[in-house]
All heavy atoms as atom14 arrays in JSON, in Angstrom:
{
  "sequence": "TKLTKEGEGKYINPTYYKSLVGCLRYLTCTRPDILFGVGLISRYMETP",
  "atom14_mask": [
    [1, 1, 1, 1, 1, 1, 1, 0, 0, 0, 0, 0, 0, 0],
    [1, 1, 1, 1, 1, 1, 1, 1, 1, 0, 0, 0, 0, 0],
    [1, 1, 1, 1, 1, 1, 1, 1, 0, 0, 0, 0, 0, 0],
    [1, 1, 1, 1, 1, 1, 1, 0, 0, 0, 0, 0, 0, 0],
    [1, 1, 1, 1, 1, 1, 1, 1, 1, 0, 0, 0, 0, 0],
    [1, 1, 1, 1, 1, 1, 1, 1, 1, 0, 0, 0, 0, 0],
    [1, 1, 1, 1, 0, 0, 0, 0, 0, 0, 0, 0, 0, 0],
    [1, 1, 1, 1, 1, 1, 1, 1, 1, 0, 0, 0, 0, 0],
    [1, 1, 1, 1, 0, 0, 0, 0, 0, 0, 0, 0, 0, 0],
    [1, 1, 1, 1, 1, 1, 1, 1, 1, 0, 0, 0, 0, 0],
    [1, 1, 1, 1, 1, 1, 1, 1, 1, 1, 1, 1, 0, 0],
    [1, 1, 1, 1, 1, 1, 1, 1, 0, 0, 0, 0, 0, 0],
    [1, 1, 1, 1, 1, 1, 1, 1, 0, 0, 0, 0, 0, 0],
    [1, 1, 1, 1, 1, 1, 1, 0, 0, 0, 0, 0, 0, 0],
    [1, 1, 1, 1, 1, 1, 1, 0, 0, 0, 0, 0, 0, 0],
    [1, 1, 1, 1, 1, 1, 1, 1, 1, 1, 1, 1, 0, 0],
    [1, 1, 1, 1, 1, 1, 1, 1, 1, 1, 1, 1, 0, 0],
    [1, 1, 1, 1, 1, 1, 1, 1, 1, 0, 0, 0, 0, 0],
    [1, 1, 1, 1, 1, 1, 0, 0, 0, 0, 0, 0, 0, 0],
    [1, 1, 1, 1, 1, 1, 1, 1, 0, 0, 0, 0, 0, 0],
    [1, 1, 1, 1, 1, 1, 1, 0, 0, 0, 0, 0, 0, 0],
    [1, 1, 1, 1, 0, 0, 0, 0, 0, 0, 0, 0, 0, 0],
    [1, 1, 1, 1, 1, 1, 0, 0, 0, 0, 0, 0, 0, 0],
    [1, 1, 1, 1, 1, 1, 1, 1, 0, 0, 0, 0, 0, 0],
    [1, 1, 1, 1, 1, 1, 1, 1, 1, 1, 1, 0, 0, 0],
    [1, 1, 1, 1, 1, 1, 1, 1, 1, 1, 1, 1, 0, 0],
    [1, 1, 1, 1, 1, 1, 1, 1, 0, 0, 0, 0, 0, 0],
    [1, 1, 1, 1, 1, 1, 1, 0, 0, 0, 0, 0, 0, 0],
    [1, 1, 1, 1, 1, 1, 0, 0, 0, 0, 0, 0, 0, 0],
    [1, 1, 1, 1, 1, 1, 1, 0, 0, 0, 0, 0, 0, 0],
    [1, 1, 1, 1, 1, 1, 1, 1, 1, 1, 1, 0, 0, 0],
    [1, 1, 1, 1, 1, 1, 1, 0, 0, 0, 0, 0, 0, 0],
    [1, 1, 1, 1, 1, 1, 1, 1, 0, 0, 0, 0, 0, 0],
    [1, 1, 1, 1, 1, 1, 1, 1, 0, 0, 0, 0, 0, 0],
    [1, 1, 1, 1, 1, 1, 1, 1, 0, 0, 0, 0, 0, 0],
    [1, 1, 1, 1, 1, 1, 1, 1, 1, 1, 1, 0, 0, 0],
    [1, 1, 1, 1, 0, 0, 0, 0, 0, 0, 0, 0, 0, 0],
    [1, 1, 1, 1, 1, 1, 1, 0, 0, 0, 0, 0, 0, 0],
    [1, 1, 1, 1, 0, 0, 0, 0, 0, 0, 0, 0, 0, 0],
    [1, 1, 1, 1, 1, 1, 1, 1, 0, 0, 0, 0, 0, 0],
    [1, 1, 1, 1, 1, 1, 1, 1, 0, 0, 0, 0, 0, 0],
    [1, 1, 1, 1, 1, 1, 0, 0, 0, 0, 0, 0, 0, 0],
    [1, 1, 1, 1, 1, 1, 1, 1, 1, 1, 1, 0, 0, 0],
    [1, 1, 1, 1, 1, 1, 1, 1, 1, 1, 1, 1, 0, 0],
    [1, 1, 1, 1, 1, 1, 1, 1, 0, 0, 0, 0, 0, 0],
    [1, 1, 1, 1, 1, 1, 1, 1, 1, 0, 0, 0, 0, 0],
    [1, 1, 1, 1, 1, 1, 1, 0, 0, 0, 0, 0, 0, 0],
    [1, 1, 1, 1, 1, 1, 1, 0, 0, 0, 0, 0, 0, 0]
  ],
  "atom14_positions": [
    [[-2.59, -23.34, -7.94], [-1.72, -22.27, -7.48], [-1.52, -21.24, -8.59], [-1.22, -21.59, -9.72], [-0.34, -22.82, -7.05], [-0.52, -23.73, -5.97], [0.61, -21.71, -6.63], [0.0, 0.0, 0.0], [0.0, 0.0, 0.0], [0.0, 0.0, 0.0], [0.0, 0.0, 0.0], [0.0, 0.0, 0.0], [0.0, 0.0, 0.0], [0.0, 0.0, 0.0]],
    [[-1.74, -19.99, -8.26], [-1.56, -18.9, -9.22], [-0.38, -18.05, -8.75], [-0.4, -17.5, -7.66], [-2.81, -18.01, -9.3], [-4.07, -18.76, -9.67], [-4.15, -18.99, -11.16], [-5.51, -19.55, -11.51], [-5.49, -20.57, -12.48], [0.0, 0.0, 0.0], [0.0, 0.0, 0.0], [0.0, 0.0, 0.0], [0.0, 0.0, 0.0], [0.0, 0.0, 0.0]],
    [[0.63, -17.96, -9.58], [1.77, -17.1, -9.28], [1.77, -15.95, -10.26], [1.41, -16.11, -11.43], [3.09, -17.88, -9.39], [3.3, -19.0, -8.38], [4.61, -19.73, -8.66], [3.31, -18.47, -6.96], [0.0, 0.0, 0.0], [0.0, 0.0, 0.0], [0.0, 0.0, 0.0], [0.0, 0.0, 0.0], [0.0, 0.0, 0.0], [0.0, 0.0, 0.0]],
    [[2.16, -14.77, -9.77], [2.24, -13.59, -10.63], [3.63, -12.99, -10.51], [4.37, -13.29, -9.56], [1.2, -12.53, -10.23], [1.51, -12.09, -8.89], [-0.22, -13.06, -10.31], [0.0, 0.0, 0.0], [0.0, 0.0, 0.0], [0.0, 0.0, 0.0], [0.0, 0.0, 0.0], [0.0, 0.0, 0.0], [0.0, 0.0, 0.0], [0.0, 0.0, 0.0]],
    [[3.97, -12.14, -11.45], [5.28, -11.49, -11.43], [5.46, -10.67, -10.16], [6.54, -10.64, -9.58], [5.43, -10.61, -12.67], [6.79, -9.99, -12.81], [6.92, -9.2, -14.1], [8.3, -8.59, -14.21], [8.49, -7.84, -15.44], [0.0, 0.0, 0.0], [0.0, 0.0, 0.0], [0.0, 0.0, 0.0], [0.0, 0.0, 0.0], [0.0, 0.0, 0.0]],
    [[4.4, -10.04, -9.71], [4.47, -9.21, -8.51], [4.68, -10.07, -7.26], [5.36, -9.67, -6.34], [3.21, -8.36, -8.34], [3.0, -7.33, -9.44], [2.48, -7.95, -10.73], [1.7, -8.92, -10.68], [2.88, -7.47, -11.8], [0.0, 0.0, 0.0], [0.0, 0.0, 0.0], [0.0, 0.0, 0.0], [0.0, 0.0, 0.0], [0.0, 0.0, 0.0]],
    [[4.06, -11.24, -7.23], [4.2, -12.14, -6.09], [3.67, -11.56, -4.81], [3.22, -10.41, -4.75], [0.0, 0.0, 0.0], [0.0, 0.0, 0.0], [0.0, 0.0, 0.0], [0.0, 0.0, 0.0], [0.0, 0.0, 0.0], [0.0, 0.0, 0.0], [0.0, 0.0, 0.0], [0.0, 0.0, 0.0], [0.0, 0.0, 0.0], [0.0, 0.0, 0.0]],
    [[3.72, -12.37, -3.77], [3.28, -11.92, -2.45], [4.39, -12.18, -1.46], [5.19, -13.1, -1.6], [2.03, -12.7, -2.03], [0.81, -12.41, -2.88], [-0.4, -13.23, -2.45], [-0.38, -13.81, -1.35], [-1.35, -13.29, -3.23], [0.0, 0.0, 0.0], [0.0, 0.0, 0.0], [0.0, 0.0, 0.0], [0.0, 0.0, 0.0], [0.0, 0.0, 0.0]],
    [[4.43, -11.36, -0.42], [5.42, -11.53, 0.64], [6.66, -10.7, 0.41], [6.7, -9.8, -0.43], [0.0, 0.0, 0.0], [0.0, 0.0, 0.0], [0.0, 0.0, 0.0], [0.0, 0.0, 0.0], [0.0, 0.0, 0.0], [0.0, 0.0, 0.0], [0.0, 0.0, 0.0], [0.0, 0.0, 0.0], [0.0, 0.0, 0.0], [0.0, 0.0, 0.0]],
    [[7.7, -11.03, 1.17], [8.95, -10.28, 1.12], [9.79, -10.72, -0.08], [9.65, -11.84, -0.58], [9.76, -10.53, 2.4], [9.1, -10.02, 3.65], [9.98, -10.3, 4.86], [9.29, -9.82, 6.13], [10.12, -10.11, 7.31], [0.0, 0.0, 0.0], [0.0, 0.0, 0.0], [0.0, 0.0, 0.0], [0.0, 0.0, 0.0], [0.0, 0.0, 0.0]],
    [[10.69, -9.83, -0.49], [11.63, -10.16, -1.56], [12.62, -11.21, -1.05], [13.02, -11.19, 0.11], [12.39, -8.92, -2.03], [11.57, -8.02, -2.91], [11.02, -6.85, -2.42], [11.33, -8.36, -4.24], [10.25, -6.02, -3.23], [10.56, -7.54, -5.06], [10.03, -6.38, -4.54], [9.27, -5.58, -5.34], [0.0, 0.0, 0.0], [0.0, 0.0, 0.0]],
    [[13.02, -12.09, -1.93], [14.01, -13.13, -1.65], [15.28, -12.75, -2.39], [15.23, -12.18, -3.49], [13.52, -14.51, -2.18], [12.2, -14.9, -1.54], [14.55, -15.59, -1.98], [12.27, -15.16, -0.06], [0.0, 0.0, 0.0], [0.0, 0.0, 0.0], [0.0, 0.0, 0.0], [0.0, 0.0, 0.0], [0.0, 0.0, 0.0], [0.0, 0.0, 0.0]],
    [[16.42, -13.07, -1.84], [17.7, -12.84, -2.49], [17.69, -13.53, -3.86], [17.59, -14.75, -3.93], [18.83, -13.38, -1.61], [20.2, -13.21, -2.23], [20.35, -13.08, -3.44], [21.21, -13.24, -1.38], [0.0, 0.0, 0.0], [0.0, 0.0, 0.0], [0.0, 0.0, 0.0], [0.0, 0.0, 0.0], [0.0, 0.0, 0.0], [0.0, 0.0, 0.0]],
    [[17.78, -12.78, -4.97], [17.7, -13.38, -6.3], [18.8, -14.41, -6.56], [18.57, -15.4, -7.25], [17.83, -12.19, -7.26], [17.5, -11.0, -6.46], [17.87, -11.31, -5.04], [0.0, 0.0, 0.0], [0.0, 0.0, 0.0], [0.0, 0.0, 0.0], [0.0, 0.0, 0.0], [0.0, 0.0, 0.0], [0.0, 0.0, 0.0], [0.0, 0.0, 0.0]],
    [[19.99, -14.19, -6.0], [21.09, -15.14, -6.2], [20.75, -16.48, -5.56], [20.96, -17.55, -6.16], [22.41, -14.58, -5.62], [22.68, -13.32, -6.24], [23.56, -15.52, -5.87], [0.0, 0.0, 0.0], [0.0, 0.0, 0.0], [0.0, 0.0, 0.0], [0.0, 0.0, 0.0], [0.0, 0.0, 0.0], [0.0, 0.0, 0.0], [0.0, 0.0, 0.0]],
    [[20.21, -16.44, -4.36], [19.79, -17.66, -3.65], [18.7, -18.38, -4.46], [18.77, -19.59, -4.69], [19.27, -17.28, -2.26], [18.66, -18.42, -1.48], [19.46, -19.25, -0.71], [17.29, -18.65, -1.5], [18.9, -20.3, 0.03], [16.73, -19.69, -0.78], [17.54, -20.5, -0.01], [16.98, -21.53, 0.7], [0.0, 0.0, 0.0], [0.0, 0.0, 0.0]],
    [[17.72, -17.62, -4.91], [16.59, -18.18, -5.66], [17.06, -18.8, -6.97], [16.67, -19.9, -7.34], [15.55, -17.09, -5.91], [14.25, -17.58, -6.48], [13.28, -18.15, -5.66], [13.97, -17.47, -7.84], [12.07, -18.6, -6.19], [12.77, -17.91, -8.38], [11.82, -18.47, -7.54], [10.63, -18.91, -8.06], [0.0, 0.0, 0.0], [0.0, 0.0, 0.0]],
    [[17.93, -18.1, -7.69], [18.45, -18.61, -8.96], [19.25, -19.88, -8.75], [19.18, -20.81, -9.56], [19.31, -17.55, -9.66], [18.51, -16.4, -10.23], [19.43, -15.33, -10.79], [18.62, -14.12, -11.21], [19.48, -13.03, -11.71], [0.0, 0.0, 0.0], [0.0, 0.0, 0.0], [0.0, 0.0, 0.0], [0.0, 0.0, 0.0], [0.0, 0.0, 0.0]],
    [[20.0, -19.94, -7.68], [20.78, -21.14, -7.37], [19.85, -22.32, -7.11], [20.07, -23.42, -7.62], [21.68, -20.87, -6.15], [22.4, -22.02, -5.8], [0.0, 0.0, 0.0], [0.0, 0.0, 0.0], [0.0, 0.0, 0.0], [0.0, 0.0, 0.0], [0.0, 0.0, 0.0], [0.0, 0.0, 0.0], [0.0, 0.0, 0.0], [0.0, 0.0, 0.0]],
    [[18.81, -22.08, -6.33], [17.83, -23.13, -6.03], [17.13, -23.6, -7.31], [17.04, -24.81, -7.57], [16.79, -22.63, -5.03], [15.63, -23.56, -4.7], [16.12, -24.87, -4.12], [14.66, -22.88, -3.75], [0.0, 0.0, 0.0], [0.0, 0.0, 0.0], [0.0, 0.0, 0.0], [0.0, 0.0, 0.0], [0.0, 0.0, 0.0], [0.0, 0.0, 0.0]],
    [[16.67, -22.67, -8.12], [15.99, -23.03, -9.37], [16.93, -23.79, -10.3], [16.55, -24.79, -10.92], [15.39, -21.79, -10.07], [14.88, -22.13, -11.45], [14.26, -21.2, -9.22], [0.0, 0.0, 0.0], [0.0, 0.0, 0.0], [0.0, 0.0, 0.0], [0.0, 0.0, 0.0], [0.0, 0.0, 0.0], [0.0, 0.0, 0.0], [0.0, 0.0, 0.0]],
    [[18.18, -23.35, -10.38], [19.17, -24.04, -11.21], [19.38, -25.48, -10.77], [19.43, -26.4, -11.6], [0.0, 0.0, 0.0], [0.0, 0.0, 0.0], [0.0, 0.0, 0.0], [0.0, 0.0, 0.0], [0.0, 0.0, 0.0], [0.0, 0.0, 0.0], [0.0, 0.0, 0.0], [0.0, 0.0, 0.0], [0.0, 0.0, 0.0], [0.0, 0.0, 0.0]],
    [[19.48, -25.68, -9.47], [19.63, -27.04, -8.92], [18.41, -27.89, -9.27], [18.54, -29.05, -9.67], [19.82, -27.0, -7.41], [21.42, -26.36, -6.88], [0.0, 0.0, 0.0], [0.0, 0.0, 0.0], [0.0, 0.0, 0.0], [0.0, 0.0, 0.0], [0.0, 0.0, 0.0], [0.0, 0.0, 0.0], [0.0, 0.0, 0.0], [0.0, 0.0, 0.0]],
    [[17.22, -27.32, -9.11], [15.99, -28.06, -9.42], [15.88, -28.35, -10.91], [15.43, -29.43, -11.3], [14.77, -27.28, -8.93], [14.63, -27.18, -7.41], [13.47, -26.25, -7.05], [14.44, -28.55, -6.79], [0.0, 0.0, 0.0], [0.0, 0.0, 0.0], [0.0, 0.0, 0.0], [0.0, 0.0, 0.0], [0.0, 0.0, 0.0], [0.0, 0.0, 0.0]],
    [[16.31, -27.41, -11.74], [16.25, -27.64, -13.2], [17.13, -28.83, -13.58], [16.75, -29.64, -14.41], [16.66, -26.38, -13.98], [15.61, -25.28, -13.92], [15.85, -24.18, -14.92], [15.59, -24.58, -16.28], [14.38, -24.75, -16.83], [13.31, -24.59, -16.09], [14.24, -25.08, -18.08], [0.0, 0.0, 0.0], [0.0, 0.0, 0.0], [0.0, 0.0, 0.0]],
    [[18.32, -28.91, -12.97], [19.21, -30.03, -13.28], [18.61, -31.35, -12.78], [18.77, -32.39, -13.39], [20.61, -29.81, -12.7], [21.58, -30.84, -13.17], [21.91, -30.95, -14.52], [22.14, -31.75, -12.29], [22.78, -31.92, -14.96], [23.02, -32.72, -12.73], [23.33, -32.8, -14.08], [24.19, -33.77, -14.52], [0.0, 0.0, 0.0], [0.0, 0.0, 0.0]],
    [[17.89, -31.29, -11.69], [17.26, -32.49, -11.13], [16.16, -33.04, -12.03], [15.83, -34.22, -11.97], [16.71, -32.17, -9.73], [16.31, -33.32, -8.84], [17.45, -34.31, -8.64], [15.84, -32.8, -7.49], [0.0, 0.0, 0.0], [0.0, 0.0, 0.0], [0.0, 0.0, 0.0], [0.0, 0.0, 0.0], [0.0, 0.0, 0.0], [0.0, 0.0, 0.0]],
    [[15.61, -32.21, -12.89], [14.54, -32.68, -13.79], [15.06, -33.69, -14.82], [14.25, -34.32, -15.51], [13.84, -31.51, -14.53], [14.78, -30.85, -15.36], [13.19, -30.56, -13.54], [0.0, 0.0, 0.0], [0.0, 0.0, 0.0], [0.0, 0.0, 0.0], [0.0, 0.0, 0.0], [0.0, 0.0, 0.0], [0.0, 0.0, 0.0], [0.0, 0.0, 0.0]],
    [[16.38, -33.85, -14.93], [16.94, -34.87, -15.85], [16.39, -36.25, -15.53], [16.12, -37.05, -16.43], [18.46, -34.92, -15.73], [19.31, -33.46, -16.32], [0.0, 0.0, 0.0], [0.0, 0.0, 0.0], [0.0, 0.0, 0.0], [0.0, 0.0, 0.0], [0.0, 0.0, 0.0], [0.0, 0.0, 0.0], [0.0, 0.0, 0.0], [0.0, 0.0, 0.0]],
    [[16.24, -36.53, -14.23], [15.73, -37.84, -13.82], [14.39, -37.74, -13.1], [13.84, -38.75, -12.68], [16.73, -38.55, -12.88], [17.0, -37.72, -11.75], [18.03, -38.87, -13.61], [0.0, 0.0, 0.0], [0.0, 0.0, 0.0], [0.0, 0.0, 0.0], [0.0, 0.0, 0.0], [0.0, 0.0, 0.0], [0.0, 0.0, 0.0], [0.0, 0.0, 0.0]],
    [[13.88, -36.54, -12.95], [12.61, -36.34, -12.24], [11.65, -35.51, -13.08], [11.37, -34.35, -12.78], [12.86, -35.65, -10.9], [13.67, -36.44, -9.88], [12.88, -37.62, -9.35], [11.56, -37.26, -8.89], [11.27, -36.87, -7.65], [12.2, -36.78, -6.75], [10.03, -36.57, -7.33], [0.0, 0.0, 0.0], [0.0, 0.0, 0.0], [0.0, 0.0, 0.0]],
    [[11.12, -36.07, -14.16], [10.2, -35.29, -15.0], [8.92, -34.9, -14.26], [8.23, -33.97, -14.69], [9.91, -36.22, -16.17], [10.25, -37.59, -15.69], [11.34, -37.42, -14.68], [0.0, 0.0, 0.0], [0.0, 0.0, 0.0], [0.0, 0.0, 0.0], [0.0, 0.0, 0.0], [0.0, 0.0, 0.0], [0.0, 0.0, 0.0], [0.0, 0.0, 0.0]],
    [[8.64, -35.55, -13.13], [7.43, -35.22, -12.36], [7.48, -33.82, -11.75], [6.45, -33.26, -11.42], [7.19, -36.27, -11.28], [8.36, -36.41, -10.31], [9.52, -36.45, -10.77], [8.11, -36.5, -9.09], [0.0, 0.0, 0.0], [0.0, 0.0, 0.0], [0.0, 0.0, 0.0], [0.0, 0.0, 0.0], [0.0, 0.0, 0.0], [0.0, 0.0, 0.0]],
    [[8.68, -33.24, -11.62], [8.77, -31.89, -11.05], [8.95, -30.83, -12.13], [9.06, -29.65, -11.83], [9.91, -31.79, -10.0], [11.29, -31.98, -10.63], [9.68, -32.78, -8.86], [12.45, -31.66, -9.7], [0.0, 0.0, 0.0], [0.0, 0.0, 0.0], [0.0, 0.0, 0.0], [0.0, 0.0, 0.0], [0.0, 0.0, 0.0], [0.0, 0.0, 0.0]],
    [[8.97, -31.25, -13.37], [9.26, -30.33, -14.49], [8.29, -29.15, -14.56], [8.71, -28.01, -14.73], [9.26, -31.11, -15.8], [9.87, -30.41, -17.01], [11.27, -29.93, -16.73], [9.88, -31.35, -18.19], [0.0, 0.0, 0.0], [0.0, 0.0, 0.0], [0.0, 0.0, 0.0], [0.0, 0.0, 0.0], [0.0, 0.0, 0.0], [0.0, 0.0, 0.0]],
    [[7.0, -29.4, -14.42], [6.03, -28.3, -14.51], [6.28, -27.28, -13.4], [6.34, -26.07, -13.67], [4.6, -28.81, -14.44], [3.6, -27.69, -14.41], [3.27, -27.01, -15.57], [3.01, -27.29, -13.22], [2.37, -25.94, -15.55], [2.11, -26.23, -13.18], [1.79, -25.56, -14.35], [0.0, 0.0, 0.0], [0.0, 0.0, 0.0], [0.0, 0.0, 0.0]],
    [[6.4, -27.74, -12.16], [6.61, -26.83, -11.03], [7.9, -26.05, -11.16], [7.94, -24.83, -10.91], [0.0, 0.0, 0.0], [0.0, 0.0, 0.0], [0.0, 0.0, 0.0], [0.0, 0.0, 0.0], [0.0, 0.0, 0.0], [0.0, 0.0, 0.0], [0.0, 0.0, 0.0], [0.0, 0.0, 0.0], [0.0, 0.0, 0.0], [0.0, 0.0, 0.0]],
    [[8.97, -26.7, -11.59], [10.25, -26.02, -11.75], [10.17, -24.99, -12.89], [10.67, -23.88, -12.77], [11.39, -27.04, -11.99], [12.7, -26.33, -12.32], [11.57, -27.92, -10.76], [0.0, 0.0, 0.0], [0.0, 0.0, 0.0], [0.0, 0.0, 0.0], [0.0, 0.0, 0.0], [0.0, 0.0, 0.0], [0.0, 0.0, 0.0], [0.0, 0.0, 0.0]],
    [[9.51, -25.36, -13.97], [9.32, -24.42, -15.07], [8.53, -23.19, -14.63], [8.83, -22.06, -15.03], [0.0, 0.0, 0.0], [0.0, 0.0, 0.0], [0.0, 0.0, 0.0], [0.0, 0.0, 0.0], [0.0, 0.0, 0.0], [0.0, 0.0, 0.0], [0.0, 0.0, 0.0], [0.0, 0.0, 0.0], [0.0, 0.0, 0.0], [0.0, 0.0, 0.0]],
    [[7.52, -23.42, -13.8], [6.69, -22.33, -13.31], [7.5, -21.35, -12.46], [7.46, -20.14, -12.69], [5.51, -22.88, -12.51], [4.5, -21.88, -11.99], [3.82, -21.15, -13.15], [3.45, -22.57, -11.12], [0.0, 0.0, 0.0], [0.0, 0.0, 0.0], [0.0, 0.0, 0.0], [0.0, 0.0, 0.0], [0.0, 0.0, 0.0], [0.0, 0.0, 0.0]],
    [[8.26, -21.86, -11.51], [9.02, -20.95, -10.63], [10.21, -20.32, -11.35], [10.72, -19.29, -10.91], [9.48, -21.64, -9.33], [10.44, -22.78, -9.61], [8.27, -22.1, -8.52], [11.13, -23.33, -8.37], [0.0, 0.0, 0.0], [0.0, 0.0, 0.0], [0.0, 0.0, 0.0], [0.0, 0.0, 0.0], [0.0, 0.0, 0.0], [0.0, 0.0, 0.0]],
    [[10.63, -20.91, -12.48], [11.73, -20.34, -13.25], [11.37, -18.99, -13.85], [12.25, -18.21, -14.2], [12.12, -21.29, -14.39], [12.63, -22.49, -13.89], [0.0, 0.0, 0.0], [0.0, 0.0, 0.0], [0.0, 0.0, 0.0], [0.0, 0.0, 0.0], [0.0, 0.0, 0.0], [0.0, 0.0, 0.0], [0.0, 0.0, 0.0], [0.0, 0.0, 0.0]],
    [[10.1, -18.7, -13.96], [9.65, -17.44, -14.57], [9.89, -16.22, -13.67], [9.81, -15.09, -14.14], [8.15, -17.51, -14.85], [7.75, -18.6, -15.79], [6.26, -18.68, -15.91], [5.84, -19.85, -16.64], [4.58, -20.23, -16.78], [3.62, -19.51, -16.22], [4.28, -21.31, -17.45], [0.0, 0.0, 0.0], [0.0, 0.0, 0.0], [0.0, 0.0, 0.0]],
    [[10.18, -16.46, -12.4], [10.2, -15.36, -11.44], [11.58, -15.15, -10.82], [11.71, -14.77, -9.66], [9.15, -15.61, -10.34], [7.8, -15.89, -10.94], [7.3, -17.19, -11.0], [7.05, -14.87, -11.51], [6.06, -17.45, -11.58], [5.83, -15.13, -12.11], [5.34, -16.41, -12.13], [4.13, -16.67, -12.72], [0.0, 0.0, 0.0], [0.0, 0.0, 0.0]],
    [[12.63, -15.35, -11.6], [13.99, -15.27, -11.04], [14.51, -13.85, -10.87], [15.45, -13.63, -10.13], [14.95, -16.1, -11.89], [14.66, -17.58, -11.75], [16.01, -18.66, -12.18], [16.06, -18.49, -13.93], [0.0, 0.0, 0.0], [0.0, 0.0, 0.0], [0.0, 0.0, 0.0], [0.0, 0.0, 0.0], [0.0, 0.0, 0.0], [0.0, 0.0, 0.0]],
    [[13.93, -12.87, -11.53], [14.44, -11.5, -11.43], [14.09, -10.85, -10.1], [14.93, -10.21, -9.48], [13.95, -10.66, -12.6], [14.53, -11.08, -13.93], [16.06, -11.15, -13.93], [16.71, -10.2, -13.45], [16.6, -12.16, -14.41], [0.0, 0.0, 0.0], [0.0, 0.0, 0.0], [0.0, 0.0, 0.0], [0.0, 0.0, 0.0], [0.0, 0.0, 0.0]],
    [[12.84, -10.97, -9.68], [12.42, -10.35, -8.41], [11.58, -11.36, -7.62], [10.37, -11.18, -7.45], [11.6, -9.07, -8.66], [10.53, -9.38, -9.57], [12.46, -7.97, -9.23], [0.0, 0.0, 0.0], [0.0, 0.0, 0.0], [0.0, 0.0, 0.0], [0.0, 0.0, 0.0], [0.0, 0.0, 0.0], [0.0, 0.0, 0.0], [0.0, 0.0, 0.0]],
    [[12.21, -12.43, -7.14], [11.45, -13.46, -6.42], [10.98, -12.98, -5.05], [11.64, -12.19, -4.39], [12.47, -14.59, -6.28], [13.79, -13.91, -6.28], [13.64, -12.74, -7.2], [0.0, 0.0, 0.0], [0.0, 0.0, 0.0], [0.0, 0.0, 0.0], [0.0, 0.0, 0.0], [0.0, 0.0, 0.0], [0.0, 0.0, 0.0], [0.0, 0.0, 0.0]]
  ]
}
């Protein structure tokens, strides 16, 4: 999967996206298997 800053599709509410990413980041405390994916999507919080 290749993600870019520009992304594809419609814009997502940044507050909603940041909340989701924040929840997933906290979940990585016990789920290191999702760490790479969560780190990747964390890069696009300004204009998801």
